[in-house]
Amino acid sequence: MKYLLDTNIIVAMTVRAEENVVRRAAECEDGEMVTSAVALAEVAFGTERGDPPTMELLRAFLEEVPVLDFDYKAALAYATLPFKRASFDRLIAAHALSHDLIVVTGNEKDFADVPGLKVENWAV
């Protein structure tokens, strides 16, 4: 595992098939990309309410990208982060930190104040 895909990157890959994101993902070796159970929950919540991606697209994505369970290491890492109310991003950041992963996101600013977090933007 090397990269943890954020919610907006999942949407960029499944719904919009953004060229830069798809190209960069294709350059990864098998097993380098995962997503967080938190990011999956966020996407699935939208899907259940009619937002893209469809469940079919989401399931196809999950056949290629494993979901990393949010575990006790992630919970302990979350407790050390600067507080920000109602933010899935903090949970995703903690998950990445606890497994020494690079967060892949199109919203770098959402993660900019997390100490020690490595972030890449494949959408640019």
N, C-alpha and C. Protein backbone atom coordinates (compact mmCIF):
# COMPACT_ATOMS: atom_id res chain seq x y z
N MET A 1 0.85 -1.19 0.00
CA MET A 1 0.00 0.00 0.00
C MET A 1 0.89 1.24 0.00
N LYS A 2 0.50 2.18 -0.82
CA LYS A 2 1.24 3.43 -0.89
C LYS A 2 0.30 4.64 -0.91
N TYR A 3 -0.82 4.51 -1.60
CA TYR A 3 -1.73 5.64 -1.79
C TYR A 3 -3.11 5.34 -1.21
N LEU A 4 -3.68 6.33 -0.54
CA LEU A 4 -5.04 6.23 -0.02
C LEU A 4 -5.89 7.24 -0.80
N LEU A 5 -6.86 6.76 -1.55
CA LEU A 5 -7.67 7.60 -2.43
C LEU A 5 -8.80 8.27 -1.65
N ASP A 6 -8.86 9.60 -1.76
CA ASP A 6 -9.89 10.39 -1.12
C ASP A 6 -11.20 10.29 -1.92
N THR A 7 -12.25 10.72 -1.30
CA THR A 7 -13.60 10.66 -1.88
C THR A 7 -13.66 11.30 -3.26
N ASN A 8 -13.12 12.50 -3.40
CA ASN A 8 -13.24 13.20 -4.69
C ASN A 8 -12.44 12.51 -5.80
N ILE A 9 -11.41 11.78 -5.44
CA ILE A 9 -10.65 11.03 -6.44
C ILE A 9 -11.44 9.79 -6.89
N ILE A 10 -12.16 9.18 -5.98
CA ILE A 10 -13.04 8.06 -6.35
C ILE A 10 -14.06 8.54 -7.38
N VAL A 11 -14.66 9.69 -7.12
CA VAL A 11 -15.65 10.25 -8.06
C VAL A 11 -14.97 10.62 -9.38
N ALA A 12 -13.78 11.20 -9.31
CA ALA A 12 -13.05 11.57 -10.53
C ALA A 12 -12.74 10.34 -11.39
N MET A 13 -12.45 9.22 -10.74
CA MET A 13 -12.13 8.00 -11.48
C MET A 13 -13.38 7.30 -12.02
N THR A 14 -14.43 7.26 -11.24
CA THR A 14 -15.60 6.46 -11.61
C THR A 14 -16.62 7.21 -12.45
N VAL A 15 -16.84 8.47 -12.14
CA VAL A 15 -17.90 9.22 -12.80
C VAL A 15 -17.37 10.03 -13.98
N ARG A 16 -16.34 10.80 -13.71
CA ARG A 16 -15.84 11.72 -14.74
C ARG A 16 -14.71 11.14 -15.57
N ALA A 17 -14.13 10.04 -15.13
CA ALA A 17 -12.99 9.42 -15.82
C ALA A 17 -11.97 10.49 -16.21
N GLU A 18 -11.62 11.33 -15.24
CA GLU A 18 -10.68 12.43 -15.50
C GLU A 18 -9.35 11.86 -15.98
N GLU A 19 -8.90 12.38 -17.10
CA GLU A 19 -7.73 11.84 -17.78
C GLU A 19 -6.50 11.76 -16.87
N ASN A 20 -6.17 12.84 -16.19
CA ASN A 20 -4.98 12.85 -15.34
C ASN A 20 -5.07 11.82 -14.22
N VAL A 21 -6.23 11.73 -13.61
CA VAL A 21 -6.42 10.80 -12.50
C VAL A 21 -6.35 9.36 -12.98
N VAL A 22 -7.04 9.05 -14.06
CA VAL A 22 -7.05 7.69 -14.60
C VAL A 22 -5.65 7.29 -15.07
N ARG A 23 -4.95 8.20 -15.73
CA ARG A 23 -3.59 7.92 -16.20
C ARG A 23 -2.66 7.63 -15.03
N ARG A 24 -2.72 8.48 -14.00
CA ARG A 24 -1.84 8.30 -12.83
C ARG A 24 -2.16 7.00 -12.09
N ALA A 25 -3.43 6.67 -11.97
CA ALA A 25 -3.82 5.41 -11.32
C ALA A 25 -3.31 4.22 -12.11
N ALA A 26 -3.34 4.31 -13.43
CA ALA A 26 -2.88 3.22 -14.29
C ALA A 26 -1.37 2.99 -14.14
N GLU A 27 -0.63 4.00 -13.72
CA GLU A 27 0.81 3.88 -13.52
C GLU A 27 1.16 3.13 -12.23
N CYS A 28 0.19 2.95 -11.36
CA CYS A 28 0.44 2.30 -10.08
C CYS A 28 0.54 0.78 -10.25
N GLU A 29 1.38 0.20 -9.43
CA GLU A 29 1.50 -1.26 -9.38
C GLU A 29 0.30 -1.83 -8.63
N ASP A 30 0.01 -3.10 -8.84
CA ASP A 30 -1.05 -3.77 -8.08
C ASP A 30 -0.75 -3.65 -6.60
N GLY A 31 -1.76 -3.33 -5.83
CA GLY A 31 -1.62 -3.23 -4.38
C GLY A 31 -1.13 -1.89 -3.87
N GLU A 32 -0.80 -0.95 -4.76
CA GLU A 32 -0.33 0.36 -4.29
C GLU A 32 -1.47 1.28 -3.86
N MET A 33 -2.67 1.09 -4.41
CA MET A 33 -3.80 1.97 -4.10
C MET A 33 -4.81 1.26 -3.20
N VAL A 34 -5.29 2.00 -2.22
CA VAL A 34 -6.42 1.58 -1.39
C VAL A 34 -7.29 2.80 -1.18
N THR A 35 -8.46 2.58 -0.65
CA THR A 35 -9.26 3.69 -0.16
C THR A 35 -9.65 3.38 1.27
N SER A 36 -10.06 4.39 1.95
CA SER A 36 -10.46 4.25 3.35
C SER A 36 -11.92 3.84 3.44
N ALA A 37 -12.24 3.05 4.46
CA ALA A 37 -13.64 2.75 4.73
C ALA A 37 -14.42 4.04 4.94
N VAL A 38 -13.76 5.08 5.43
CA VAL A 38 -14.41 6.39 5.64
C VAL A 38 -14.77 7.01 4.29
N ALA A 39 -13.83 7.01 3.34
CA ALA A 39 -14.11 7.57 2.01
C ALA A 39 -15.22 6.77 1.32
N LEU A 40 -15.16 5.45 1.46
CA LEU A 40 -16.22 4.62 0.88
C LEU A 40 -17.57 4.97 1.48
N ALA A 41 -17.62 5.15 2.78
CA ALA A 41 -18.89 5.52 3.44
C ALA A 41 -19.42 6.83 2.89
N GLU A 42 -18.53 7.79 2.69
CA GLU A 42 -18.94 9.10 2.17
C GLU A 42 -19.50 8.98 0.75
N VAL A 43 -18.82 8.22 -0.10
CA VAL A 43 -19.29 8.03 -1.48
C VAL A 43 -20.60 7.24 -1.49
N ALA A 44 -20.65 6.15 -0.74
CA ALA A 44 -21.84 5.30 -0.72
C ALA A 44 -23.06 6.06 -0.18
N PHE A 45 -22.84 6.94 0.78
CA PHE A 45 -23.92 7.77 1.32
C PHE A 45 -24.54 8.61 0.20
N GLY A 46 -23.69 9.23 -0.61
CA GLY A 46 -24.18 10.01 -1.74
C GLY A 46 -24.87 9.15 -2.77
N THR A 47 -24.28 7.98 -3.06
CA THR A 47 -24.86 7.07 -4.04
C THR A 47 -26.27 6.66 -3.64
N GLU A 48 -26.45 6.34 -2.37
CA GLU A 48 -27.77 5.93 -1.88
C GLU A 48 -28.80 7.04 -1.99
N ARG A 49 -28.34 8.27 -2.08
CA ARG A 49 -29.24 9.42 -2.19
C ARG A 49 -29.34 9.96 -3.62
N GLY A 50 -28.80 9.18 -4.57
CA GLY A 50 -28.95 9.53 -5.97
C GLY A 50 -27.79 10.29 -6.59
N ASP A 51 -26.74 10.55 -5.82
CA ASP A 51 -25.56 11.22 -6.38
C ASP A 51 -24.68 10.19 -7.07
N PRO A 52 -23.91 10.64 -8.07
CA PRO A 52 -22.97 9.73 -8.69
C PRO A 52 -21.79 9.42 -7.76
N PRO A 53 -21.19 8.26 -7.92
CA PRO A 53 -21.39 7.25 -8.95
C PRO A 53 -22.57 6.34 -8.62
N THR A 54 -23.02 5.62 -9.63
CA THR A 54 -24.05 4.61 -9.39
C THR A 54 -23.44 3.49 -8.56
N MET A 55 -24.27 2.67 -7.96
CA MET A 55 -23.77 1.54 -7.18
C MET A 55 -23.00 0.58 -8.08
N GLU A 56 -23.44 0.44 -9.32
CA GLU A 56 -22.73 -0.43 -10.26
C GLU A 56 -21.30 0.06 -10.49
N LEU A 57 -21.14 1.36 -10.73
CA LEU A 57 -19.80 1.93 -10.92
C LEU A 57 -18.96 1.81 -9.65
N LEU A 58 -19.59 2.03 -8.51
CA LEU A 58 -18.87 1.94 -7.24
C LEU A 58 -18.38 0.51 -6.99
N ARG A 59 -19.22 -0.45 -7.27
CA ARG A 59 -18.82 -1.86 -7.10
C ARG A 59 -17.66 -2.22 -8.05
N ALA A 60 -17.72 -1.72 -9.27
CA ALA A 60 -16.63 -1.98 -10.23
C ALA A 60 -15.32 -1.37 -9.72
N PHE A 61 -15.40 -0.18 -9.17
CA PHE A 61 -14.22 0.47 -8.58
C PHE A 61 -13.65 -0.39 -7.45
N LEU A 62 -14.54 -0.90 -6.60
CA LEU A 62 -14.11 -1.67 -5.43
C LEU A 62 -13.51 -3.04 -5.82
N GLU A 63 -13.79 -3.50 -7.02
CA GLU A 63 -13.14 -4.72 -7.50
C GLU A 63 -11.66 -4.48 -7.79
N GLU A 64 -11.32 -3.23 -8.06
CA GLU A 64 -9.94 -2.87 -8.41
C GLU A 64 -9.16 -2.27 -7.24
N VAL A 65 -9.86 -1.57 -6.35
CA VAL A 65 -9.20 -0.84 -5.26
C VAL A 65 -9.73 -1.36 -3.93
N PRO A 66 -8.87 -1.98 -3.13
CA PRO A 66 -9.31 -2.51 -1.83
C PRO A 66 -9.69 -1.39 -0.86
N VAL A 67 -10.53 -1.76 0.10
CA VAL A 67 -10.95 -0.83 1.15
C VAL A 67 -10.19 -1.19 2.43
N LEU A 68 -9.55 -0.18 3.00
CA LEU A 68 -8.80 -0.36 4.24
C LEU A 68 -9.72 -0.07 5.41
N ASP A 69 -9.87 -1.05 6.30
CA ASP A 69 -10.72 -0.86 7.48
C ASP A 69 -10.16 0.24 8.37
N PHE A 70 -11.03 1.04 8.93
CA PHE A 70 -10.63 2.05 9.91
C PHE A 70 -10.43 1.32 11.23
N ASP A 71 -9.18 1.26 11.68
CA ASP A 71 -8.83 0.43 12.83
C ASP A 71 -8.40 1.26 14.03
N TYR A 72 -7.94 0.56 15.07
CA TYR A 72 -7.56 1.25 16.30
C TYR A 72 -6.39 2.20 16.08
N LYS A 73 -5.43 1.86 15.18
CA LYS A 73 -4.32 2.76 14.90
C LYS A 73 -4.82 4.07 14.29
N ALA A 74 -5.80 3.97 13.41
CA ALA A 74 -6.38 5.17 12.79
C ALA A 74 -7.13 5.99 13.83
N ALA A 75 -7.84 5.32 14.72
CA ALA A 75 -8.58 6.03 15.77
C ALA A 75 -7.63 6.79 16.69
N LEU A 76 -6.52 6.18 17.04
CA LEU A 76 -5.54 6.86 17.90
C LEU A 76 -4.87 8.01 17.17
N ALA A 77 -4.60 7.85 15.88
CA ALA A 77 -4.02 8.95 15.09
C ALA A 77 -5.00 10.12 14.99
N TYR A 78 -6.28 9.80 14.85
CA TYR A 78 -7.31 10.84 14.77
C TYR A 78 -7.30 11.72 16.02
N ALA A 79 -7.10 11.11 17.16
CA ALA A 79 -7.12 11.84 18.43
C ALA A 79 -6.01 12.88 18.52
N THR A 80 -4.96 12.76 17.72
CA THR A 80 -3.83 13.69 17.79
C THR A 80 -3.94 14.85 16.81
N LEU A 81 -4.93 14.84 15.92
CA LEU A 81 -5.02 15.86 14.88
C LEU A 81 -5.68 17.14 15.38
N PRO A 82 -5.31 18.27 14.75
CA PRO A 82 -6.01 19.52 15.07
C PRO A 82 -7.51 19.34 14.80
N PHE A 83 -8.34 19.77 15.71
CA PHE A 83 -9.78 19.55 15.62
C PHE A 83 -10.40 20.39 14.51
N LYS A 84 -11.30 19.78 13.77
CA LYS A 84 -12.10 20.47 12.75
C LYS A 84 -13.45 19.79 12.75
N ARG A 85 -14.48 20.53 13.06
CA ARG A 85 -15.82 19.99 13.24
C ARG A 85 -16.38 19.35 11.96
N ALA A 86 -17.01 18.20 12.14
CA ALA A 86 -17.77 17.52 11.07
C ALA A 86 -16.96 17.34 9.79
N SER A 87 -15.79 16.77 9.92
CA SER A 87 -14.95 16.60 8.74
C SER A 87 -14.54 15.15 8.54
N PHE A 88 -15.02 14.55 7.46
CA PHE A 88 -14.56 13.22 7.08
C PHE A 88 -13.07 13.26 6.76
N ASP A 89 -12.62 14.44 6.27
CA ASP A 89 -11.22 14.56 5.88
C ASP A 89 -10.27 14.28 7.03
N ARG A 90 -10.64 14.64 8.25
CA ARG A 90 -9.80 14.37 9.41
C ARG A 90 -9.67 12.87 9.65
N LEU A 91 -10.76 12.15 9.48
CA LEU A 91 -10.72 10.69 9.63
C LEU A 91 -9.86 10.06 8.54
N ILE A 92 -10.00 10.54 7.32
CA ILE A 92 -9.21 10.03 6.20
C ILE A 92 -7.73 10.35 6.41
N ALA A 93 -7.42 11.55 6.88
CA ALA A 93 -6.03 11.93 7.16
C ALA A 93 -5.44 11.03 8.24
N ALA A 94 -6.19 10.80 9.30
CA ALA A 94 -5.71 9.94 10.38
C ALA A 94 -5.46 8.52 9.88
N HIS A 95 -6.35 8.06 9.01
CA HIS A 95 -6.20 6.72 8.45
C HIS A 95 -4.90 6.63 7.65
N ALA A 96 -4.65 7.63 6.83
CA ALA A 96 -3.42 7.65 6.04
C ALA A 96 -2.18 7.72 6.93
N LEU A 97 -2.21 8.58 7.93
CA LEU A 97 -1.07 8.71 8.84
C LEU A 97 -0.78 7.40 9.57
N SER A 98 -1.83 6.72 10.00
CA SER A 98 -1.65 5.50 10.79
C SER A 98 -1.04 4.36 9.99
N HIS A 99 -1.12 4.44 8.67
CA HIS A 99 -0.56 3.39 7.81
C HIS A 99 0.55 3.93 6.91
N ASP A 100 0.99 5.15 7.18
CA ASP A 100 2.06 5.80 6.41
C ASP A 100 1.74 5.81 4.91
N LEU A 101 0.54 6.26 4.58
CA LEU A 101 0.08 6.34 3.19
C LEU A 101 0.03 7.79 2.72
N ILE A 102 0.08 7.97 1.45
CA ILE A 102 -0.06 9.28 0.81
C ILE A 102 -1.53 9.46 0.44
N VAL A 103 -2.14 10.55 0.90
CA VAL A 103 -3.53 10.84 0.53
C VAL A 103 -3.54 11.41 -0.89
N VAL A 104 -4.35 10.82 -1.74
CA VAL A 104 -4.54 11.33 -3.10
C VAL A 104 -5.88 12.04 -3.11
N THR A 105 -5.84 13.35 -3.39
CA THR A 105 -7.05 14.17 -3.32
C THR A 105 -6.99 15.29 -4.35
N GLY A 106 -8.13 15.81 -4.68
CA GLY A 106 -8.21 17.01 -5.50
C GLY A 106 -8.40 18.25 -4.64
N ASN A 107 -8.49 18.05 -3.33
CA ASN A 107 -8.72 19.15 -2.38
C ASN A 107 -7.57 19.22 -1.38
N GLU A 108 -6.42 19.61 -1.85
CA GLU A 108 -5.23 19.66 -1.00
C GLU A 108 -5.43 20.57 0.21
N LYS A 109 -6.17 21.65 0.03
CA LYS A 109 -6.36 22.61 1.13
C LYS A 109 -7.07 21.99 2.33
N ASP A 110 -7.90 20.98 2.07
CA ASP A 110 -8.62 20.32 3.16
C ASP A 110 -7.68 19.54 4.09
N PHE A 111 -6.49 19.24 3.60
CA PHE A 111 -5.53 18.45 4.37
C PHE A 111 -4.27 19.23 4.73
N ALA A 112 -4.20 20.48 4.31
CA ALA A 112 -2.98 21.27 4.44
C ALA A 112 -2.51 21.47 5.87
N ASP A 113 -3.41 21.49 6.82
CA ASP A 113 -3.02 21.76 8.21
C ASP A 113 -2.80 20.51 9.05
N VAL A 114 -2.69 19.36 8.40
CA VAL A 114 -2.47 18.11 9.13
C VAL A 114 -0.97 17.83 9.18
N PRO A 115 -0.38 17.93 10.35
CA PRO A 115 1.07 17.74 10.48
C PRO A 115 1.52 16.34 10.04
N GLY A 116 2.56 16.32 9.21
CA GLY A 116 3.17 15.05 8.80
C GLY A 116 2.45 14.30 7.70
N LEU A 117 1.32 14.80 7.23
CA LEU A 117 0.55 14.09 6.20
C LEU A 117 1.14 14.36 4.83
N LYS A 118 1.32 13.29 4.06
CA LYS A 118 1.79 13.41 2.68
C LYS A 118 0.55 13.41 1.76
N VAL A 119 0.53 14.37 0.84
CA VAL A 119 -0.64 14.55 -0.04
C VAL A 119 -0.16 14.71 -1.48
N GLU A 120 -0.89 14.08 -2.40
CA GLU A 120 -0.68 14.29 -3.83
C GLU A 120 -2.01 14.62 -4.47
N ASN A 121 -1.95 15.48 -5.48
CA ASN A 121 -3.13 15.84 -6.25
C ASN A 121 -2.96 15.31 -7.67
N TRP A 122 -3.66 14.23 -7.98
CA TRP A 122 -3.57 13.64 -9.31
C TRP A 122 -4.51 14.33 -10.30
N ALA A 123 -5.32 15.24 -9.85
CA ALA A 123 -6.29 15.91 -10.72
C ALA A 123 -5.68 17.08 -11.49
N VAL A 124 -4.45 17.47 -11.14
CA VAL A 124 -3.84 18.62 -11.84
C VAL A 124 -2.91 18.14 -12.93
